[in-house]
Amino acid sequence: MKPNTTTVMRGLISQVRKTMPFHLPASRLCAGPCRGCPKKLLEFLDQELEEWETRLDAGEKPTIGDVSRFGKTCRRIHAALAANKLV
């Protein structure tokens, strides 16, 4: 049986929170040449995570498209952070 979209979204949020370097200080995020602004990308992603957590807690059920778009955003931000050698 496939999990529902709420379970998938919660799993994705959990995985992103464990994987992304939210704990790094700004001095480390902004050290050296950057491709994209890691600090702003992480701030944006944190806002998105908090928004989805709030929406899920309120009982909203994400669509498959919501999960797909959010996953794509996370992958792109991860790629930008990897290019800056932060993950």
Foldseek 3Di string as FASTA:
>chain_A
DDDFQLVLLVVVLVVLVVPAPPVDDLCVQPPDDADPRLVVLSVVLVVVSVVVVVCVVVPDGDDPVVSVVNVVSSVVSVVRCVVVVND
